[in-house]
Structures are given as C-alpha cells and as structure tokens.
Amino acid sequence: MRKLVLLLSVAAFGAMPVLAQSSDKPLPPKDRRDPNYVRCRLIDVTGSLVKKEKTCKTNREWEELRTRGNSDAERFIEQNRTGANPNG
C-alpha cells in the first residue's frame, strides 16, 4: 500500500510541470522581425536630463508611429516653405 501511494505521488508531481506549462494564451513570437514581436525602448522624458520612460509596443505599432511622425513632419515642412504660408 505504501509503495502504491509513493508511486502515485511521484507520478502526480512528475505531471505538474506539464500541467503548469499549458495555458490558453499563445506564446509570443520568437522572430524579432515578426509584426507582433514586442520591443521595449527607453524614451527621454521631456524636461528631464536623466529620466527615461520604458515604452513597449509591437513592431507593427512602432512602424505606424514612425510613419505617422514622418508624414506629420513632411506636412509641416510643406506648409512652412517660403510662399506657401499666407501669413508669413
């Protein structure tokens, strides 16, 4: 009887890591070029010489921010060229 209890307890503890590893959420992608791969960057805090803020986004979100920033900059430059600004 003792051997049976010992055998069952060893089997139960042996199965624990397998049960702990299974989860409903998908694993994050391992390829760094994957659009869903999460990257974190340290962003300078405005008004501080030293303080930085950690920001994490997917590659897709970083690309959208870069594209939007570039288009905003291009639009600003076009609006402020000599002769394009009616007030200036």
PDB file of N, CA and C in Angstrom:
ATOM      1  N   MET A   1       0.816  -1.188   0.000  1.00  0.00           N
ATOM      2  CA  MET A   1       0.000   0.000   0.000  1.00  0.00           C
ATOM      3  C   MET A   1       0.866   1.260   0.000  1.00  0.00           C
ATOM      4  N   ARG A   2       1.924   1.239   0.801  1.00  0.00           N
ATOM      5  CA  ARG A   2       2.814   2.379   0.876  1.00  0.00           C
ATOM      6  C   ARG A   2       3.494   2.641  -0.470  1.00  0.00           C
ATOM      7  N   LYS A   3       3.893   1.580  -1.138  1.00  0.00           N
ATOM      8  CA  LYS A   3       4.539   1.721  -2.436  1.00  0.00           C
ATOM      9  C   LYS A   3       3.582   2.321  -3.456  1.00  0.00           C
ATOM     10  N   LEU A   4       2.311   1.962  -3.375  1.00  0.00           N
ATOM     11  CA  LEU A   4       1.309   2.497  -4.293  1.00  0.00           C
ATOM     12  C   LEU A   4       1.120   3.989  -4.077  1.00  0.00           C
ATOM     13  N   VAL A   5       1.041   4.423  -2.826  1.00  0.00           N
ATOM     14  CA  VAL A   5       0.884   5.842  -2.506  1.00  0.00           C
ATOM     15  C   VAL A   5       2.114   6.614  -2.970  1.00  0.00           C
ATOM     16  N   LEU A   6       3.294   6.072  -2.719  1.00  0.00           N
ATOM     17  CA  LEU A   6       4.526   6.715  -3.142  1.00  0.00           C
ATOM     18  C   LEU A   6       4.591   6.812  -4.660  1.00  0.00           C
ATOM     19  N   LEU A   7       4.207   5.757  -5.328  1.00  0.00           N
ATOM     20  CA  LEU A   7       4.219   5.744  -6.784  1.00  0.00           C
ATOM     21  C   LEU A   7       3.232   6.766  -7.354  1.00  0.00           C
ATOM     22  N   LEU A   8       2.050   6.870  -6.781  1.00  0.00           N
ATOM     23  CA  LEU A   8       1.055   7.838  -7.248  1.00  0.00           C
ATOM     24  C   LEU A   8       1.508   9.276  -6.990  1.00  0.00           C
ATOM     25  N   SER A   9       2.144   9.510  -5.849  1.00  0.00           N
ATOM     26  CA  SER A   9       2.597  10.871  -5.551  1.00  0.00           C
ATOM     27  C   SER A   9       3.731  11.281  -6.485  1.00  0.00           C
ATOM     28  N   VAL A  10       4.634  10.380  -6.794  1.00  0.00           N
ATOM     29  CA  VAL A  10       5.713  10.678  -7.733  1.00  0.00           C
ATOM     30  C   VAL A  10       5.137  10.948  -9.114  1.00  0.00           C
ATOM     31  N   ALA A  11       4.166  10.179  -9.530  1.00  0.00           N
ATOM     32  CA  ALA A  11       3.534  10.382 -10.840  1.00  0.00           C
ATOM     33  C   ALA A  11       2.808  11.720 -10.889  1.00  0.00           C
ATOM     34  N   ALA A  12       2.153  12.089  -9.797  1.00  0.00           N
ATOM     35  CA  ALA A  12       1.431  13.358  -9.756  1.00  0.00           C
ATOM     36  C   ALA A  12       2.397  14.536  -9.827  1.00  0.00           C
ATOM     37  N   PHE A  13       3.499  14.475  -9.076  1.00  0.00           N
ATOM     38  CA  PHE A  13       4.464  15.568  -9.113  1.00  0.00           C
ATOM     39  C   PHE A  13       5.208  15.613 -10.433  1.00  0.00           C
ATOM     40  N   GLY A  14       5.387  14.499 -11.063  1.00  0.00           N
ATOM     41  CA  GLY A  14       6.035  14.463 -12.369  1.00  0.00           C
ATOM     42  C   GLY A  14       5.182  15.106 -13.442  1.00  0.00           C
ATOM     43  N   ALA A  15       3.869  15.048 -13.287  1.00  0.00           N
ATOM     44  CA  ALA A  15       2.954  15.630 -14.268  1.00  0.00           C
ATOM     45  C   ALA A  15       2.706  17.111 -14.023  1.00  0.00           C
ATOM     46  N   MET A  16       3.097  17.627 -12.883  1.00  0.00           N
ATOM     47  CA  MET A  16       2.843  19.028 -12.554  1.00  0.00           C
ATOM     48  C   MET A  16       3.452  20.001 -13.550  1.00  0.00           C
ATOM     49  N   PRO A  17       4.726  19.873 -13.935  1.00  0.00           N
ATOM     50  CA  PRO A  17       5.277  20.838 -14.890  1.00  0.00           C
ATOM     51  C   PRO A  17       4.548  20.841 -16.219  1.00  0.00           C
ATOM     52  N   VAL A  18       4.079  19.698 -16.659  1.00  0.00           N
ATOM     53  CA  VAL A  18       3.337  19.627 -17.917  1.00  0.00           C
ATOM     54  C   VAL A  18       2.030  20.395 -17.787  1.00  0.00           C
ATOM     55  N   LEU A  19       1.364  20.253 -16.669  1.00  0.00           N
ATOM     56  CA  LEU A  19       0.112  20.970 -16.454  1.00  0.00           C
ATOM     57  C   LEU A  19       0.357  22.460 -16.306  1.00  0.00           C
ATOM     58  N   ALA A  20       1.445  22.838 -15.657  1.00  0.00           N
ATOM     59  CA  ALA A  20       1.740  24.251 -15.448  1.00  0.00           C
ATOM     60  C   ALA A  20       2.118  24.942 -16.748  1.00  0.00           C
ATOM     61  N   GLN A  21       2.686  24.227 -17.710  1.00  0.00           N
ATOM     62  CA  GLN A  21       3.122  24.830 -18.949  1.00  0.00           C
ATOM     63  C   GLN A  21       1.966  25.092 -19.910  1.00  0.00           C
ATOM     64  N   SER A  22       0.915  24.325 -19.817  1.00  0.00           N
ATOM     65  CA  SER A  22      -0.183  24.531 -20.749  1.00  0.00           C
ATOM     66  C   SER A  22      -1.004  25.742 -20.308  1.00  0.00           C
ATOM     67  N   SER A  23      -1.249  26.648 -21.243  1.00  0.00           N
ATOM     68  CA  SER A  23      -2.053  27.830 -20.951  1.00  0.00           C
ATOM     69  C   SER A  23      -2.863  28.174 -22.195  1.00  0.00           C
ATOM     70  N   ASP A  24      -3.859  29.022 -22.007  1.00  0.00           N
ATOM     71  CA  ASP A  24      -4.743  29.386 -23.111  1.00  0.00           C
ATOM     72  C   ASP A  24      -4.151  30.474 -23.998  1.00  0.00           C
ATOM     73  N   LYS A  25      -3.289  31.329 -23.457  1.00  0.00           N
ATOM     74  CA  LYS A  25      -2.756  32.412 -24.278  1.00  0.00           C
ATOM     75  C   LYS A  25      -1.604  31.906 -25.144  1.00  0.00           C
ATOM     76  N   PRO A  26      -1.497  32.427 -26.366  1.00  0.00           N
ATOM     77  CA  PRO A  26      -0.448  31.954 -27.272  1.00  0.00           C
ATOM     78  C   PRO A  26       0.921  32.467 -26.834  1.00  0.00           C
ATOM     79  N   LEU A  27       1.948  31.739 -27.217  1.00  0.00           N
ATOM     80  CA  LEU A  27       3.304  32.159 -26.907  1.00  0.00           C
ATOM     81  C   LEU A  27       3.689  33.343 -27.786  1.00  0.00           C
ATOM     82  N   PRO A  28       4.494  34.280 -27.262  1.00  0.00           N
ATOM     83  CA  PRO A  28       4.916  35.411 -28.091  1.00  0.00           C
ATOM     84  C   PRO A  28       5.834  34.931 -29.207  1.00  0.00           C
ATOM     85  N   PRO A  29       5.821  35.625 -30.347  1.00  0.00           N
ATOM     86  CA  PRO A  29       6.677  35.211 -31.462  1.00  0.00           C
ATOM     87  C   PRO A  29       8.151  35.357 -31.093  1.00  0.00           C
ATOM     88  N   LYS A  30       8.985  34.444 -31.609  1.00  0.00           N
ATOM     89  CA  LYS A  30      10.407  34.483 -31.304  1.00  0.00           C
ATOM     90  C   LYS A  30      11.201  35.226 -32.376  1.00  0.00           C
ATOM     91  N   ASP A  31      10.617  35.399 -33.550  1.00  0.00           N
ATOM     92  CA  ASP A  31      11.305  36.098 -34.630  1.00  0.00           C
ATOM     93  C   ASP A  31      11.213  37.601 -34.380  1.00  0.00           C
ATOM     94  N   ARG A  32      12.350  38.268 -34.265  1.00  0.00           N
ATOM     95  CA  ARG A  32      12.371  39.702 -33.934  1.00  0.00           C
ATOM     96  C   ARG A  32      11.779  40.563 -35.040  1.00  0.00           C
ATOM     97  N   ARG A  33      11.654  40.028 -36.253  1.00  0.00           N
ATOM     98  CA  ARG A  33      11.075  40.792 -37.361  1.00  0.00           C
ATOM     99  C   ARG A  33       9.569  40.594 -37.477  1.00  0.00           C
ATOM    100  N   ASP A  34       8.999  39.724 -36.677  1.00  0.00           N
ATOM    101  CA  ASP A  34       7.562  39.464 -36.696  1.00  0.00           C
ATOM    102  C   ASP A  34       6.806  40.737 -36.309  1.00  0.00           C
ATOM    103  N   PRO A  35       5.725  41.095 -37.014  1.00  0.00           N
ATOM    104  CA  PRO A  35       4.967  42.306 -36.680  1.00  0.00           C
ATOM    105  C   PRO A  35       4.377  42.288 -35.266  1.00  0.00           C
ATOM    106  N   ASN A  36       4.179  41.107 -34.687  1.00  0.00           N
ATOM    107  CA  ASN A  36       3.605  41.017 -33.347  1.00  0.00           C
ATOM    108  C   ASN A  36       4.659  40.880 -32.250  1.00  0.00           C
ATOM    109  N   TYR A  37       5.929  40.923 -32.607  1.00  0.00           N
ATOM    110  CA  TYR A  37       7.008  40.837 -31.621  1.00  0.00           C
ATOM    111  C   TYR A  37       7.040  42.141 -30.822  1.00  0.00           C
ATOM    112  N   VAL A  38       7.092  42.035 -29.508  1.00  0.00           N
ATOM    113  CA  VAL A  38       7.061  43.219 -28.645  1.00  0.00           C
ATOM    114  C   VAL A  38       8.485  43.687 -28.375  1.00  0.00           C
ATOM    115  N   ARG A  39       8.717  44.974 -28.638  1.00  0.00           N
ATOM    116  CA  ARG A  39      10.008  45.606 -28.367  1.00  0.00           C
ATOM    117  C   ARG A  39       9.797  46.724 -27.356  1.00  0.00           C
ATOM    118  N   CYS A  40      10.749  46.870 -26.478  1.00  0.00           N
ATOM    119  CA  CYS A  40      10.704  47.939 -25.484  1.00  0.00           C
ATOM    120  C   CYS A  40      11.830  48.922 -25.783  1.00  0.00           C
ATOM    121  N   ARG A  41      11.530  50.205 -25.618  1.00  0.00           N
ATOM    122  CA  ARG A  41      12.516  51.261 -25.840  1.00  0.00           C
ATOM    123  C   ARG A  41      12.483  52.221 -24.664  1.00  0.00           C
ATOM    124  N   LEU A  42      13.630  52.842 -24.396  1.00  0.00           N
ATOM    125  CA  LEU A  42      13.700  53.880 -23.383  1.00  0.00           C
ATOM    126  C   LEU A  42      13.547  55.221 -24.097  1.00  0.00           C
ATOM    127  N   ILE A  43      12.532  55.985 -23.708  1.00  0.00           N
ATOM    128  CA  ILE A  43      12.219  57.265 -24.328  1.00  0.00           C
ATOM    129  C   ILE A  43      12.596  58.371 -23.354  1.00  0.00           C
ATOM    130  N   ASP A  44      13.311  59.392 -23.830  1.00  0.00           N
ATOM    131  CA  ASP A  44      13.659  60.524 -22.979  1.00  0.00           C
ATOM    132  C   ASP A  44      12.402  61.248 -22.527  1.00  0.00           C
ATOM    133  N   VAL A  45      12.360  61.624 -21.248  1.00  0.00           N
ATOM    134  CA  VAL A  45      11.233  62.369 -20.705  1.00  0.00           C
ATOM    135  C   VAL A  45      11.502  63.847 -20.932  1.00  0.00           C
ATOM    136  N   THR A  46      10.558  64.542 -21.543  1.00  0.00           N
ATOM    137  CA  THR A  46      10.712  65.961 -21.823  1.00  0.00           C
ATOM    138  C   THR A  46      10.851  66.734 -20.522  1.00  0.00           C
ATOM    139  N   GLY A  47      11.853  67.617 -20.459  1.00  0.00           N
ATOM    140  CA  GLY A  47      12.082  68.433 -19.274  1.00  0.00           C
ATOM    141  C   GLY A  47      13.052  67.815 -18.291  1.00  0.00           C
ATOM    142  N   SER A  48      13.549  66.629 -18.578  1.00  0.00           N
ATOM    143  CA  SER A  48      14.490  65.975 -17.683  1.00  0.00           C
ATOM    144  C   SER A  48      15.747  65.622 -18.459  1.00  0.00           C
ATOM    145  N   LEU A  49      16.889  65.791 -17.812  1.00  0.00           N
ATOM    146  CA  LEU A  49      18.154  65.452 -18.461  1.00  0.00           C
ATOM    147  C   LEU A  49      18.486  63.976 -18.328  1.00  0.00           C
ATOM    148  N   VAL A  50      17.932  63.323 -17.308  1.00  0.00           N
ATOM    149  CA  VAL A  50      18.325  61.957 -16.997  1.00  0.00           C
ATOM    150  C   VAL A  50      17.174  60.966 -17.109  1.00  0.00           C
ATOM    151  N   LYS A  51      15.974  61.377 -16.739  1.00  0.00           N
ATOM    152  CA  LYS A  51      14.843  60.461 -16.628  1.00  0.00           C
ATOM    153  C   LYS A  51      14.441  59.904 -17.995  1.00  0.00           C
ATOM    154  N   LYS A  52      14.175  58.599 -18.006  1.00  0.00           N
ATOM    155  CA  LYS A  52      13.707  57.918 -19.219  1.00  0.00           C
ATOM    156  C   LYS A  52      12.496  57.075 -18.865  1.00  0.00           C
ATOM    157  N   GLU A  53      11.655  56.860 -19.842  1.00  0.00           N
ATOM    158  CA  GLU A  53      10.438  56.079 -19.650  1.00  0.00           C
ATOM    159  C   GLU A  53      10.489  54.860 -20.564  1.00  0.00           C
ATOM    160  N   LYS A  54      10.200  53.699 -20.010  1.00  0.00           N
ATOM    161  CA  LYS A  54      10.206  52.470 -20.802  1.00  0.00           C
ATOM    162  C   LYS A  54       8.849  52.319 -21.483  1.00  0.00           C
ATOM    163  N   THR A  55       8.874  52.163 -22.811  1.00  0.00           N
ATOM    164  CA  THR A  55       7.656  52.013 -23.594  1.00  0.00           C
ATOM    165  C   THR A  55       7.767  50.738 -24.417  1.00  0.00           C
ATOM    166  N   CYS A  56       6.760  49.875 -24.316  1.00  0.00           N
ATOM    167  CA  CYS A  56       6.759  48.614 -25.049  1.00  0.00           C
ATOM    168  C   CYS A  56       5.606  48.604 -26.048  1.00  0.00           C
ATOM    169  N   LYS A  57       5.913  48.269 -27.296  1.00  0.00           N
ATOM    170  CA  LYS A  57       4.917  48.173 -28.367  1.00  0.00           C
ATOM    171  C   LYS A  57       5.356  47.068 -29.321  1.00  0.00           C
ATOM    172  N   THR A  58       4.420  46.619 -30.139  1.00  0.00           N
ATOM    173  CA  THR A  58       4.759  45.624 -31.150  1.00  0.00           C
ATOM    174  C   THR A  58       5.488  46.310 -32.299  1.00  0.00           C
ATOM    175  N   ASN A  59       6.161  45.518 -33.129  1.00  0.00           N
ATOM    176  CA  ASN A  59       6.837  46.081 -34.307  1.00  0.00           C
ATOM    177  C   ASN A  59       5.857  46.843 -35.190  1.00  0.00           C
ATOM    178  N   ARG A  60       4.648  46.331 -35.314  1.00  0.00           N
ATOM    179  CA  ARG A  60       3.629  46.982 -36.140  1.00  0.00           C
ATOM    180  C   ARG A  60       3.293  48.373 -35.584  1.00  0.00           C
ATOM    181  N   GLU A  61       3.137  48.479 -34.263  1.00  0.00           N
ATOM    182  CA  GLU A  61       2.820  49.770 -33.645  1.00  0.00           C
ATOM    183  C   GLU A  61       3.977  50.758 -33.776  1.00  0.00           C
ATOM    184  N   TRP A  62       5.230  50.276 -33.614  1.00  0.00           N
ATOM    185  CA  TRP A  62       6.386  51.169 -33.783  1.00  0.00           C
ATOM    186  C   TRP A  62       6.439  51.678 -35.223  1.00  0.00           C
ATOM    187  N   GLU A  63       6.152  50.824 -36.202  1.00  0.00           N
ATOM    188  CA  GLU A  63       6.177  51.237 -37.603  1.00  0.00           C
ATOM    189  C   GLU A  63       5.094  52.273 -37.890  1.00  0.00           C
ATOM    190  N   GLU A  64       3.902  52.091 -37.317  1.00  0.00           N
ATOM    191  CA  GLU A  64       2.821  53.065 -37.501  1.00  0.00           C
ATOM    192  C   GLU A  64       3.207  54.424 -36.924  1.00  0.00           C
ATOM    193  N   LEU A  65       3.824  54.423 -35.736  1.00  0.00           N
ATOM    194  CA  LEU A  65       4.264  55.686 -35.125  1.00  0.00           C
ATOM    195  C   LEU A  65       5.325  56.373 -35.987  1.00  0.00           C
ATOM    196  N   ARG A  66       6.274  55.603 -36.512  1.00  0.00           N
ATOM    197  CA  ARG A  66       7.320  56.172 -37.353  1.00  0.00           C
ATOM    198  C   ARG A  66       6.740  56.777 -38.629  1.00  0.00           C
ATOM    199  N   THR A  67       5.827  56.047 -39.246  1.00  0.00           N
ATOM    200  CA  THR A  67       5.200  56.525 -40.484  1.00  0.00           C
ATOM    201  C   THR A  67       4.389  57.792 -40.235  1.00  0.00           C
ATOM    202  N   ARG A  68       3.602  57.790 -39.157  1.00  0.00           N
ATOM    203  CA  ARG A  68       2.787  58.961 -38.835  1.00  0.00           C
ATOM    204  C   ARG A  68       3.670  60.168 -38.515  1.00  0.00           C
ATOM    205  N   GLY A  69       4.749  59.964 -37.783  1.00  0.00           N
ATOM    206  CA  GLY A  69       5.665  61.055 -37.452  1.00  0.00           C
ATOM    207  C   GLY A  69       6.324  61.635 -38.691  1.00  0.00           C
ATOM    208  N   ASN A  70       6.727  60.768 -39.607  1.00  0.00           N
ATOM    209  CA  ASN A  70       7.348  61.246 -40.845  1.00  0.00           C
ATOM    210  C   ASN A  70       6.365  62.031 -41.695  1.00  0.00           C
ATOM    211  N   SER A  71       5.133  61.557 -41.800  1.00  0.00           N
ATOM    212  CA  SER A  71       4.147  62.273 -42.621  1.00  0.00           C
ATOM    213  C   SER A  71       3.780  63.615 -41.984  1.00  0.00           C
ATOM    214  N   ASP A  72       3.717  63.660 -40.645  1.00  0.00           N
ATOM    215  CA  ASP A  72       3.442  64.939 -39.967  1.00  0.00           C
ATOM    216  C   ASP A  72       4.579  65.929 -40.206  1.00  0.00           C
ATOM    217  N   ALA A  73       5.813  65.455 -40.150  1.00  0.00           N
ATOM    218  CA  ALA A  73       6.969  66.324 -40.379  1.00  0.00           C
ATOM    219  C   ALA A  73       6.984  66.838 -41.815  1.00  0.00           C
ATOM    220  N   GLU A  74       6.705  65.960 -42.777  1.00  0.00           N
ATOM    221  CA  GLU A  74       6.672  66.383 -44.179  1.00  0.00           C
ATOM    222  C   GLU A  74       5.576  67.423 -44.416  1.00  0.00           C
ATOM    223  N   ARG A  75       4.411  67.216 -43.821  1.00  0.00           N
ATOM    224  CA  ARG A  75       3.315  68.168 -43.972  1.00  0.00           C
ATOM    225  C   ARG A  75       3.683  69.521 -43.359  1.00  0.00           C
ATOM    226  N   PHE A  76       4.340  69.517 -42.197  1.00  0.00           N
ATOM    227  CA  PHE A  76       4.760  70.755 -41.544  1.00  0.00           C
ATOM    228  C   PHE A  76       5.755  71.519 -42.420  1.00  0.00           C
ATOM    229  N   ILE A  77       6.701  70.795 -43.006  1.00  0.00           N
ATOM    230  CA  ILE A  77       7.701  71.433 -43.867  1.00  0.00           C
ATOM    231  C   ILE A  77       7.030  72.027 -45.102  1.00  0.00           C
ATOM    232  N   GLU A  78       6.120  71.293 -45.716  1.00  0.00           N
ATOM    233  CA  GLU A  78       5.431  71.787 -46.911  1.00  0.00           C
ATOM    234  C   GLU A  78       4.608  73.038 -46.604  1.00  0.00           C
ATOM    235  N   GLN A  79       3.959  73.077 -45.456  1.00  0.00           N
ATOM    236  CA  GLN A  79       3.130  74.223 -45.093  1.00  0.00           C
ATOM    237  C   GLN A  79       3.964  75.461 -44.808  1.00  0.00           C
ATOM    238  N   ASN A  80       5.204  75.284 -44.386  1.00  0.00           N
ATOM    239  CA  ASN A  80       6.019  76.422 -43.974  1.00  0.00           C
ATOM    240  C   ASN A  80       7.121  76.778 -44.958  1.00  0.00           C
ATOM    241  N   ARG A  81       7.032  76.267 -46.178  1.00  0.00           N
ATOM    242  CA  ARG A  81       8.005  76.685 -47.197  1.00  0.00           C
ATOM    243  C   ARG A  81       7.746  78.132 -47.574  1.00  0.00           C
ATOM    244  N   THR A  82       8.746  78.780 -48.078  1.00  0.00           N
ATOM    245  CA  THR A  82       8.624  80.174 -48.482  1.00  0.00           C
ATOM    246  C   THR A  82       7.522  80.316 -49.532  1.00  0.00           C
ATOM    247  N   GLY A  83       6.597  81.214 -49.284  1.00  0.00           N
ATOM    248  CA  GLY A  83       5.497  81.449 -50.212  1.00  0.00           C
ATOM    249  C   GLY A  83       4.288  80.573 -49.995  1.00  0.00           C
ATOM    250  N   ALA A  84       4.413  79.477 -49.248  1.00  0.00           N
ATOM    251  CA  ALA A  84       3.288  78.592 -49.019  1.00  0.00           C
ATOM    252  C   ALA A  84       2.438  79.051 -47.845  1.00  0.00           C
ATOM    253  N   ASN A  85       3.011  79.867 -46.953  1.00  0.00           N
ATOM    254  CA  ASN A  85       2.296  80.334 -45.782  1.00  0.00           C
ATOM    255  C   ASN A  85       1.725  81.718 -46.070  1.00  0.00           C
ATOM    256  N   PRO A  86       0.393  81.853 -46.145  1.00  0.00           N
ATOM    257  CA  PRO A  86      -0.192  83.165 -46.479  1.00  0.00           C
ATOM    258  C   PRO A  86       0.049  84.217 -45.405  1.00  0.00           C
ATOM    259  N   ASN A  87       0.360  83.837 -44.184  1.00  0.00           N
ATOM    260  CA  ASN A  87       0.585  84.787 -43.097  1.00  0.00           C
ATOM    261  C   ASN A  87       2.051  85.193 -42.970  1.00  0.00           C
ATOM    262  N   GLY A  88       2.947  84.514 -43.673  1.00  0.00           N
ATOM    263  CA  GLY A  88       4.361  84.761 -43.437  1.00  0.00           C
ATOM    264  C   GLY A  88       5.062  85.287 -44.578  1.00  0.00           C
TER     265      GLY A  88
END
